[in-house]
């Protein structure tokens, strides 16, 4: 069996070696039709587009993407040609929660927002949105949850996008990317959306770059329809909008979900799906390394929990690096030093 693997997927080499599988590792963008022609399986990230151009004439029968999103997979083509595919839903939900939490805590630390007196609108309440909403409530925020597909199925507790536009001080997107007319999220945040925002909120996008119309977002910043924005996902990655990067409060290279914990989850889920499909048996345990500390800073000094959480992770660091070197977007993303989530630390009470 031949397996082609994106060489930026962490913790996978040791696991595949334990499973006695010989794999070929290469950059996701270099995986092409010639490479996959004699492959049985692919384990990829979003940089590999699995469509007819890639798969035609190959013997690929299984694709695992170590990501939540799967819009880089032509699912209709795969289904029509008997190619099984899987993604890793919820794998990095806690990591994105950490990113959004840190962004909110930065806004509060800098006096821009008082969380306990603010309303947040969470658009898309799946794995990630649910954790973000629960986190915001834990910090005393009033939370408005918007998920039209779930509301349509009769689930309770959801408000309309119009309600969020009227009442939210922060709007955060956690939707999949869909282009169909029913609940389309492509350019969900467009000129009309930004014009409807009554509270001039902070705008956060950690979902998909194409859910936001970049030109409309720049116009919203220029006309004061929003107070500021926090952007981790971009249209046309890695060729991101430099004017938007310059204007945004925080701009990061699509790494909100890049914790060691989330990556380990995604790798494990991909390998479990591979093992199930090919009847390979048990998958080895994948454990991220402990947090990195120096001998003089093994104990964190912080007067509040918020301060401690920002020492664990502050997106300002990633934002400053990207703003200084936007041409390194792919390098920053590909070589990201995976952070640990707060559960890896002893924060006491």
Protein backbone atom coordinates (compact mmCIF):
# COMPACT_ATOMS: atom_id res chain seq x y z
CA UNK A 1 0.00 0.00 0.00
CA UNK A 2 1.27 3.45 -0.91
CA UNK A 3 0.21 6.46 1.18
CA UNK A 4 1.02 10.07 0.23
CA UNK A 5 1.20 12.38 3.27
CA UNK A 6 1.44 16.16 3.58
CA UNK A 7 4.80 16.66 5.28
CA UNK A 8 3.47 19.41 7.57
CA UNK A 9 1.09 17.09 9.45
CA UNK A 10 2.67 16.68 12.91
CA UNK A 11 3.16 13.46 14.88
CA UNK A 12 2.26 11.30 11.89
CA UNK A 13 5.64 9.88 10.85
CA UNK A 14 6.20 8.02 14.11
CA UNK A 15 2.63 6.71 14.15
CA UNK A 16 2.76 5.40 10.57
CA UNK A 17 6.12 3.80 11.26
CA UNK A 18 4.61 2.02 14.27
CA UNK A 19 1.78 0.85 12.01
CA UNK A 20 4.42 -0.55 9.61
CA UNK A 21 3.24 1.70 6.76
CA UNK A 22 5.72 3.13 4.28
CA UNK A 23 4.58 6.64 3.38
CA UNK A 24 5.80 9.30 0.97
CA UNK A 25 5.98 12.76 2.56
CA UNK A 26 5.90 15.99 0.56
CA UNK A 27 4.53 19.55 0.66
CA UNK A 28 0.78 19.63 0.16
CA UNK A 29 1.07 21.98 -2.81
CA UNK A 30 3.45 19.52 -4.55
CA UNK A 31 1.01 16.60 -4.49
CA UNK A 32 -0.09 16.27 -8.13
CA UNK A 33 -1.58 13.72 -10.53
CA UNK A 34 1.77 12.13 -11.37
CA UNK A 35 2.53 11.62 -7.67
CA UNK A 36 -0.84 10.08 -6.73
CA UNK A 37 -1.25 7.89 -9.82
CA UNK A 38 -0.04 4.76 -8.01
CA UNK A 39 -1.12 5.80 -4.49
CA UNK A 40 -3.81 4.00 -2.52
CA UNK A 41 -4.45 6.75 0.03
CA UNK A 42 -3.80 10.43 0.71
CA UNK A 43 -3.52 12.18 4.07
CA UNK A 44 -3.62 15.90 3.40
CA UNK A 45 -4.38 19.42 4.59
CA UNK A 46 -6.17 22.27 2.83
CA UNK A 47 -3.31 23.01 0.43
CA UNK A 48 -4.05 19.86 -1.63
CA UNK A 49 -7.11 20.20 -3.88
CA UNK A 50 -8.61 16.77 -4.46
CA UNK A 51 -10.56 16.95 -7.70
CA UNK A 52 -10.54 15.36 -11.15
CA UNK A 53 -7.30 17.12 -12.05
CA UNK A 54 -5.53 15.41 -9.17
CA UNK A 55 -7.31 12.07 -9.04
CA UNK A 56 -8.19 11.16 -12.65
CA UNK A 57 -6.52 7.87 -13.66
CA UNK A 58 -5.17 7.19 -10.15
CA UNK A 59 -5.85 4.19 -7.94
CA UNK A 60 -6.57 6.37 -4.88
CA UNK A 61 -9.43 4.87 -2.89
CA UNK A 62 -9.17 6.82 0.38
CA UNK A 63 -8.52 10.48 1.35
CA UNK A 64 -8.23 11.82 4.89
CA UNK A 65 -7.89 15.54 5.45
CA UNK A 66 -6.45 16.40 8.87
CA UNK A 67 -8.66 19.49 9.01
CA UNK A 68 -12.21 20.38 9.99
CA UNK A 69 -12.98 21.93 6.61
CA UNK A 70 -13.21 19.86 3.44
CA UNK A 71 -14.08 22.40 0.74
CA UNK A 72 -10.72 21.51 -0.89
CA UNK A 73 -12.15 18.05 -1.63
CA UNK A 74 -14.49 17.61 -4.61
CA UNK A 75 -16.83 15.35 -2.67
CA UNK A 76 -19.16 14.81 -5.62
CA UNK A 77 -16.27 13.52 -7.75
CA UNK A 78 -15.03 11.27 -4.94
CA UNK A 79 -18.48 9.86 -4.26
CA UNK A 80 -19.06 9.21 -7.98
CA UNK A 81 -15.74 7.37 -8.31
CA UNK A 82 -15.90 5.27 -5.15
CA UNK A 83 -13.25 7.25 -3.28
CA UNK A 84 -13.93 7.35 0.44
CA UNK A 85 -13.02 10.63 2.13
CA UNK A 86 -13.02 11.81 5.74
CA UNK A 87 -12.30 15.01 7.61
CA UNK A 88 -11.60 15.69 11.29
CA UNK A 89 -14.65 17.53 12.66
CA UNK A 90 -14.03 19.29 15.94
CA UNK A 91 -10.34 18.36 16.06
CA UNK A 92 -9.12 21.90 16.71
CA UNK A 93 -12.24 23.43 18.24
CA UNK A 94 -10.55 24.01 21.60
CA UNK A 95 -7.58 25.63 19.86
CA UNK A 96 -9.81 28.13 18.02
CA UNK A 97 -11.60 28.76 21.31
CA UNK A 98 -8.20 29.58 22.85
CA UNK A 99 -7.40 32.00 20.00
CA UNK A 100 -10.73 33.85 20.26
CA UNK A 101 -10.48 33.95 24.06
CA UNK A 102 -7.00 35.46 23.89
CA UNK A 103 -8.17 38.06 21.35
CA UNK A 104 -11.05 39.06 23.63
CA UNK A 105 -8.77 39.21 26.67
CA UNK A 106 -6.36 41.45 24.76
CA UNK A 107 -9.19 43.83 23.89
CA UNK A 108 -10.20 43.97 27.55
CA UNK A 109 -6.60 44.37 28.78
CA UNK A 110 -6.15 47.32 26.44
CA UNK A 111 -9.37 48.97 27.61
CA UNK A 112 -11.21 48.53 24.33
CA UNK A 113 -13.93 46.24 25.69
CA UNK A 114 -15.37 45.15 29.03
CA UNK A 115 -16.34 41.54 28.53
CA UNK A 116 -18.88 41.33 31.37
CA UNK A 117 -20.78 44.28 29.90
CA UNK A 118 -20.64 43.14 26.26
CA UNK A 119 -22.71 41.03 23.90
CA UNK A 120 -21.07 38.60 21.48
CA UNK A 121 -22.79 37.17 18.41
CA UNK A 122 -21.56 33.69 17.47
CA UNK A 123 -22.45 32.90 13.86
CA UNK A 124 -22.24 29.14 13.30
CA UNK A 125 -22.66 26.99 16.39
CA UNK A 126 -21.01 23.69 15.55
CA UNK A 127 -18.03 22.17 17.35
CA UNK A 128 -16.06 25.44 17.39
CA UNK A 129 -18.91 27.89 17.82
CA UNK A 130 -20.29 25.94 20.77
CA UNK A 131 -16.97 26.11 22.64
CA UNK A 132 -16.54 29.80 21.80
CA UNK A 133 -20.05 30.59 23.04
CA UNK A 134 -19.51 28.67 26.29
CA UNK A 135 -16.15 30.40 26.81
CA UNK A 136 -17.70 33.85 26.31
CA UNK A 137 -20.45 33.08 28.82
CA UNK A 138 -17.81 31.97 31.34
CA UNK A 139 -16.26 35.45 31.08
CA UNK A 140 -19.66 37.05 31.75
CA UNK A 141 -20.56 37.99 28.19
CA UNK A 142 -24.12 37.89 26.91
CA UNK A 143 -24.08 35.39 24.05
CA UNK A 144 -26.29 35.39 20.96
CA UNK A 145 -26.10 32.13 19.01
CA UNK A 146 -26.98 32.14 15.30
CA UNK A 147 -27.19 28.89 13.33
CA UNK A 148 -29.99 28.96 10.70
CA UNK A 149 -29.67 25.28 9.66
CA UNK A 150 -30.01 24.12 13.28
CA UNK A 151 -32.87 26.56 13.91
CA UNK A 152 -34.63 25.23 10.80
CA UNK A 153 -34.43 21.72 12.23
CA UNK A 154 -36.43 22.95 15.21
CA UNK A 155 -33.56 23.35 17.70
CA UNK A 156 -34.06 26.09 20.26
CA UNK A 157 -31.84 28.88 21.57
CA UNK A 158 -30.87 30.53 18.29
CA UNK A 159 -31.40 34.09 17.05
CA UNK A 160 -31.39 35.56 13.57
CA UNK A 161 -28.42 37.27 11.95
CA UNK A 162 -30.50 40.47 12.07
CA UNK A 163 -30.64 40.22 15.88
CA UNK A 164 -26.87 39.86 16.06
CA UNK A 165 -26.48 42.84 13.71
CA UNK A 166 -28.64 44.97 16.03
CA UNK A 167 -27.24 43.93 19.40
CA UNK A 168 -23.72 42.47 19.25
CA UNK A 169 -20.58 44.31 20.38
CA UNK A 170 -18.48 41.45 18.96
CA UNK A 171 -19.35 39.28 15.95
CA UNK A 172 -17.38 36.07 15.40
CA UNK A 173 -17.79 33.72 12.42
CA UNK A 174 -17.55 29.93 12.82
CA UNK A 175 -19.38 28.67 9.76
CA UNK A 176 -18.37 26.21 7.06
CA UNK A 177 -17.93 27.59 3.53
CA UNK A 178 -21.00 26.90 1.39
CA UNK A 179 -21.92 28.38 -1.97
CA UNK A 180 -25.40 26.93 -2.38
CA UNK A 181 -28.29 29.39 -2.21
CA UNK A 182 -29.76 27.76 0.90
CA UNK A 183 -27.77 29.17 3.84
CA UNK A 184 -24.95 30.35 1.63
CA UNK A 185 -21.93 31.50 3.66
CA UNK A 186 -19.72 32.61 0.76
CA UNK A 187 -19.37 36.39 1.30
CA UNK A 188 -21.80 36.18 4.19
CA UNK A 189 -20.04 39.27 5.55
CA UNK A 190 -20.61 41.64 2.63
CA UNK A 191 -21.49 45.33 2.25
CA UNK A 192 -25.09 44.73 3.35
CA UNK A 193 -23.96 42.81 6.41
CA UNK A 194 -21.54 45.49 7.55
CA UNK A 195 -24.05 48.27 6.89
CA UNK A 196 -26.54 46.48 9.18
CA UNK A 197 -24.26 46.45 12.24
CA UNK A 198 -25.81 48.88 14.71
CA UNK A 199 -23.22 48.66 17.52
CA UNK A 200 -20.07 49.08 15.39
CA UNK A 201 -18.79 45.74 16.73
CA UNK A 202 -15.42 44.07 16.68
CA UNK A 203 -15.41 41.53 13.85
CA UNK A 204 -13.60 38.18 14.10
CA UNK A 205 -13.17 35.60 11.35
CA UNK A 206 -11.48 32.28 12.14
CA UNK A 207 -13.72 30.15 9.90
CA UNK A 208 -13.05 30.45 6.15
CA UNK A 209 -11.53 33.40 4.33
CA UNK A 210 -14.22 33.42 1.66
CA UNK A 211 -17.02 33.93 4.19
CA UNK A 212 -15.90 37.57 4.23
CA UNK A 213 -15.80 39.93 1.25
CA UNK A 214 -12.40 41.54 1.74
CA UNK A 215 -13.26 44.71 -0.15
CA UNK A 216 -16.44 45.13 1.90
CA UNK A 217 -14.51 44.62 5.13
CA UNK A 218 -12.02 47.31 4.15
CA UNK A 219 -14.90 49.67 3.35
CA UNK A 220 -16.48 48.85 6.74
CA UNK A 221 -13.22 49.76 8.49
CA UNK A 222 -12.90 52.97 6.47
CA UNK A 223 -16.50 54.07 7.17
CA UNK A 224 -16.46 53.08 10.85
CA UNK A 225 -19.14 50.39 10.50
CA UNK A 226 -16.96 48.17 12.71
CA UNK A 227 -14.53 49.21 15.42
CA UNK A 228 -11.79 46.78 14.42
CA UNK A 229 -11.26 43.29 13.08
CA UNK A 230 -9.34 40.15 13.98
CA UNK A 231 -8.59 38.03 10.91
CA UNK A 232 -6.99 34.59 10.84
CA UNK A 233 -8.42 33.35 7.53
CA UNK A 234 -8.14 35.24 4.26
CA UNK A 235 -9.48 35.23 0.75
CA UNK A 236 -6.95 34.02 -1.83
CA UNK A 237 -4.46 32.60 0.69
CA UNK A 238 -1.51 32.82 0.67
CA UNK A 239 -1.92 35.97 -1.48
CA UNK A 240 -3.60 37.95 1.28
CA UNK A 241 -4.81 41.55 1.21
CA UNK A 242 -1.94 43.75 2.40
CA UNK A 243 -4.24 46.75 3.01
CA UNK A 244 -6.41 44.58 5.28
CA UNK A 245 -3.36 43.19 7.09
CA UNK A 246 -2.16 46.73 7.71
CA UNK A 247 -5.56 47.90 9.01
CA UNK A 248 -6.63 44.96 11.15
CA UNK A 249 -6.12 44.82 14.93
CA UNK A 250 -4.83 41.25 14.71
CA UNK A 251 -3.92 39.44 11.49
CA UNK A 252 -2.54 35.91 11.65
CA UNK A 253 -1.57 33.27 9.04
CA UNK A 254 -4.48 30.81 9.40
CA UNK A 255 -3.15 29.35 12.65
CA UNK A 256 -6.07 29.81 15.08
CA UNK A 257 -6.53 26.05 15.17
CA UNK A 258 -2.83 25.26 15.36
CA UNK A 259 -2.38 24.00 18.89
CA UNK A 260 -0.39 20.85 19.49
CA UNK A 261 -3.49 19.37 21.08
CA UNK A 262 -5.70 20.09 18.06
CA UNK A 263 -3.08 18.81 15.61
CA UNK A 264 -2.69 15.60 17.60
CA UNK A 265 -6.47 15.13 17.48
CA UNK A 266 -6.56 15.66 13.71
CA UNK A 267 -3.68 13.26 13.08
CA UNK A 268 -5.25 10.59 15.30
CA UNK A 269 -8.67 10.95 13.60
CA UNK A 270 -7.09 10.67 10.14
CA UNK A 271 -5.11 7.57 11.09
CA UNK A 272 -8.13 5.94 12.73
CA UNK A 273 -10.13 6.47 9.53
CA UNK A 274 -7.25 5.08 7.44
CA UNK A 275 -6.96 2.04 9.71
CA UNK A 276 -10.70 1.41 9.60
CA UNK A 277 -10.85 1.64 5.81
CA UNK A 278 -7.91 -0.68 5.18
CA UNK A 279 -8.49 -2.88 8.28
CA UNK A 280 -5.06 -2.10 9.68
CA UNK A 281 -5.77 -2.62 13.36
CA UNK A 282 -5.11 -0.31 16.28
CA UNK A 283 -3.70 3.21 15.95
CA UNK A 284 -0.89 4.18 18.39
CA UNK A 285 -1.48 6.83 21.01
CA UNK A 286 -0.42 10.33 19.95
CA UNK A 287 0.69 12.60 22.80
CA UNK A 288 1.87 16.18 22.19
CA UNK A 289 5.07 17.27 23.95
CA UNK A 290 4.69 19.22 27.22
CA UNK A 291 4.78 23.02 27.16
CA UNK A 292 8.23 24.49 26.59
CA UNK A 293 9.64 26.29 29.63
CA UNK A 294 13.09 27.56 30.54
CA UNK A 295 14.79 26.68 33.79
CA UNK A 296 14.25 30.22 35.09
CA UNK A 297 10.60 30.41 34.08
CA UNK A 298 9.17 27.02 35.02
CA UNK A 299 6.60 28.85 37.15
CA UNK A 300 4.47 31.51 35.46
CA UNK A 301 4.07 34.83 37.25
CA UNK A 302 0.58 36.30 36.80
CA UNK A 303 -1.77 38.24 39.04
CA UNK A 304 -4.98 37.16 37.26
CA UNK A 305 -6.17 34.20 35.24
CA UNK A 306 -6.55 36.47 32.20
CA UNK A 307 -2.93 37.54 32.48
CA UNK A 308 -1.82 33.90 32.77
CA UNK A 309 -3.85 32.89 29.71
CA UNK A 310 -2.26 35.67 27.66
CA UNK A 311 1.18 34.47 28.75
CA UNK A 312 0.24 30.99 27.52
CA UNK A 313 -0.85 32.43 24.18
CA UNK A 314 -1.22 35.94 22.78
CA UNK A 315 -2.11 36.28 19.08
CA UNK A 316 -0.26 39.61 19.05
CA UNK A 317 2.99 37.68 18.61
CA UNK A 318 1.78 35.90 15.48
CA UNK A 319 0.20 39.09 14.18
CA UNK A 320 3.36 41.17 14.55
CA UNK A 321 5.41 38.54 12.74
CA UNK A 322 2.98 38.45 9.79
CA UNK A 323 2.67 42.24 9.59
CA UNK A 324 6.45 42.57 9.45
CA UNK A 325 6.83 39.81 6.84
CA UNK A 326 3.56 39.15 4.96
CA UNK A 327 5.53 37.43 2.21
CA UNK A 328 6.23 34.63 4.72
CA UNK A 329 2.55 33.68 5.16
CA UNK A 330 3.07 30.08 4.03
CA UNK A 331 6.31 29.70 5.94
CA UNK A 332 4.76 30.99 9.17
CA UNK A 333 1.85 28.61 8.71
CA UNK A 334 3.88 25.60 7.65
CA UNK A 335 6.56 25.94 10.33
CA UNK A 336 4.29 27.13 13.12
CA UNK A 337 5.65 26.28 16.61
CA UNK A 338 2.57 24.47 17.88
CA UNK A 339 1.33 25.99 21.13
CA UNK A 340 -0.29 24.04 23.96
CA UNK A 341 -3.80 24.77 25.20
CA UNK A 342 -4.49 25.92 28.75
CA UNK A 343 -5.34 22.38 29.91
CA UNK A 344 -1.64 21.54 29.58
CA UNK A 345 -0.86 23.99 32.40
CA UNK A 346 -1.62 24.00 36.12
CA UNK A 347 -3.46 27.28 36.64
CA UNK A 348 -4.54 26.45 40.20
CA UNK A 349 -7.88 27.98 41.15
